Amino acid sequence: MQSIWKFLQYGYLVVGIIFLVEGIIALSTDVTRAMIMFGLSVFIVVIFLFKRRFRRKIEARNKQQ
């Protein structure tokens, strides 16, 4: 189960990249929508970093036990 979460966390990066590309595409037509997409992209990347840090912390704690 632990290895599944390790691979699923990269799904956050994929979704973040999709929002980034959508924001770039929308930048020429609708600036407000583009800024929302950029904001979501940054938010998702922050979630990815948080989850990765938390998972590593839990793994380190499990190795000590």
C-alpha atoms as a PDB file:
ATOM      1  CA  MET A   1       0.000   0.000   0.000  1.00  0.00           C
ATOM      2  CA  GLN A   2       2.875   2.318   0.779  1.00  0.00           C
ATOM      3  CA  SER A   3       4.266   2.013  -2.757  1.00  0.00           C
ATOM      4  CA  ILE A   4       0.882   2.909  -4.259  1.00  0.00           C
ATOM      5  CA  TRP A   5       0.860   6.236  -2.395  1.00  0.00           C
ATOM      6  CA  LYS A   6       4.411   6.868  -3.558  1.00  0.00           C
ATOM      7  CA  PHE A   7       3.280   6.718  -7.183  1.00  0.00           C
ATOM      8  CA  LEU A   8      -0.068   8.439  -6.681  1.00  0.00           C
ATOM      9  CA  GLN A   9       1.552  11.542  -5.252  1.00  0.00           C
ATOM     10  CA  TYR A  10       3.008  12.246  -8.688  1.00  0.00           C
ATOM     11  CA  GLY A  11      -0.553  12.507  -9.966  1.00  0.00           C
ATOM     12  CA  TYR A  12      -0.648  15.858  -8.183  1.00  0.00           C
ATOM     13  CA  LEU A  13       2.228  17.045 -10.355  1.00  0.00           C
ATOM     14  CA  VAL A  14       0.466  15.858 -13.499  1.00  0.00           C
ATOM     15  CA  VAL A  15      -2.696  17.748 -12.539  1.00  0.00           C
ATOM     16  CA  GLY A  16      -0.608  20.810 -11.652  1.00  0.00           C
ATOM     17  CA  ILE A  17       1.057  20.736 -15.068  1.00  0.00           C
ATOM     18  CA  ILE A  18      -2.336  20.383 -16.753  1.00  0.00           C
ATOM     19  CA  PHE A  19      -3.622  23.465 -14.909  1.00  0.00           C
ATOM     20  CA  LEU A  20      -0.443  25.348 -15.841  1.00  0.00           C
ATOM     21  CA  VAL A  21      -0.885  24.536 -19.535  1.00  0.00           C
ATOM     22  CA  GLU A  22      -4.572  25.462 -19.355  1.00  0.00           C
ATOM     23  CA  GLY A  23      -3.578  28.772 -17.768  1.00  0.00           C
ATOM     24  CA  ILE A  24      -1.079  29.489 -20.515  1.00  0.00           C
ATOM     25  CA  ILE A  25      -3.669  28.697 -23.174  1.00  0.00           C
ATOM     26  CA  ALA A  26      -6.346  30.812 -21.455  1.00  0.00           C
ATOM     27  CA  LEU A  27      -3.960  33.742 -20.989  1.00  0.00           C
ATOM     28  CA  SER A  28      -4.599  35.010 -24.513  1.00  0.00           C
ATOM     29  CA  THR A  29      -8.396  34.941 -24.205  1.00  0.00           C
ATOM     30  CA  ASP A  30      -9.436  35.286 -20.553  1.00  0.00           C
ATOM     31  CA  VAL A  31      -6.910  36.681 -18.079  1.00  0.00           C
ATOM     32  CA  THR A  32      -9.122  36.036 -15.032  1.00  0.00           C
ATOM     33  CA  ARG A  33      -9.514  32.358 -15.900  1.00  0.00           C
ATOM     34  CA  ALA A  34      -5.784  32.117 -16.553  1.00  0.00           C
ATOM     35  CA  MET A  35      -4.956  33.537 -13.120  1.00  0.00           C
ATOM     36  CA  ILE A  36      -7.323  31.050 -11.488  1.00  0.00           C
ATOM     37  CA  MET A  37      -5.596  28.218 -13.347  1.00  0.00           C
ATOM     38  CA  PHE A  38      -2.164  29.487 -12.286  1.00  0.00           C
ATOM     39  CA  GLY A  39      -3.338  29.756  -8.693  1.00  0.00           C
ATOM     40  CA  LEU A  40      -4.694  26.205  -8.743  1.00  0.00           C
ATOM     41  CA  SER A  41      -1.467  24.989 -10.264  1.00  0.00           C
ATOM     42  CA  VAL A  42       0.610  26.555  -7.495  1.00  0.00           C
ATOM     43  CA  PHE A  43      -1.792  25.225  -4.852  1.00  0.00           C
ATOM     44  CA  ILE A  44      -1.557  21.681  -6.200  1.00  0.00           C
ATOM     45  CA  VAL A  45       2.241  21.796  -6.315  1.00  0.00           C
ATOM     46  CA  VAL A  46       2.285  22.963  -2.687  1.00  0.00           C
ATOM     47  CA  ILE A  47       0.014  20.044  -1.772  1.00  0.00           C
ATOM     48  CA  PHE A  48       2.405  17.684  -3.579  1.00  0.00           C
ATOM     49  CA  LEU A  49       5.383  19.031  -1.645  1.00  0.00           C
ATOM     50  CA  PHE A  50       3.514  18.816   1.662  1.00  0.00           C
ATOM     51  CA  LYS A  51       2.388  15.241   1.049  1.00  0.00           C
ATOM     52  CA  ARG A  52       5.867  14.176  -0.047  1.00  0.00           C
ATOM     53  CA  ARG A  53       7.431  15.700   3.064  1.00  0.00           C
ATOM     54  CA  PHE A  54       4.819  14.117   5.313  1.00  0.00           C
ATOM     55  CA  ARG A  55       5.260  10.684   3.656  1.00  0.00           C
ATOM     56  CA  ARG A  56       9.035  10.845   4.080  1.00  0.00           C
ATOM     57  CA  LYS A  57       8.639  11.827   7.723  1.00  0.00           C
ATOM     58  CA  ILE A  58       6.333   8.849   8.344  1.00  0.00           C
ATOM     59  CA  GLU A  59       8.726   6.487   6.526  1.00  0.00           C
ATOM     60  CA  ALA A  60      11.645   7.718   8.635  1.00  0.00           C
ATOM     61  CA  ARG A  61       9.617   7.207  11.803  1.00  0.00           C
ATOM     62  CA  ASN A  62       8.682   3.670  10.719  1.00  0.00           C
ATOM     63  CA  LYS A  63      12.345   2.816  10.026  1.00  0.00           C
ATOM     64  CA  GLN A  64      13.305   3.850  13.561  1.00  0.00           C
ATOM     65  CA  GLN A  65      10.748   1.537  15.122  1.00  0.00           C
END
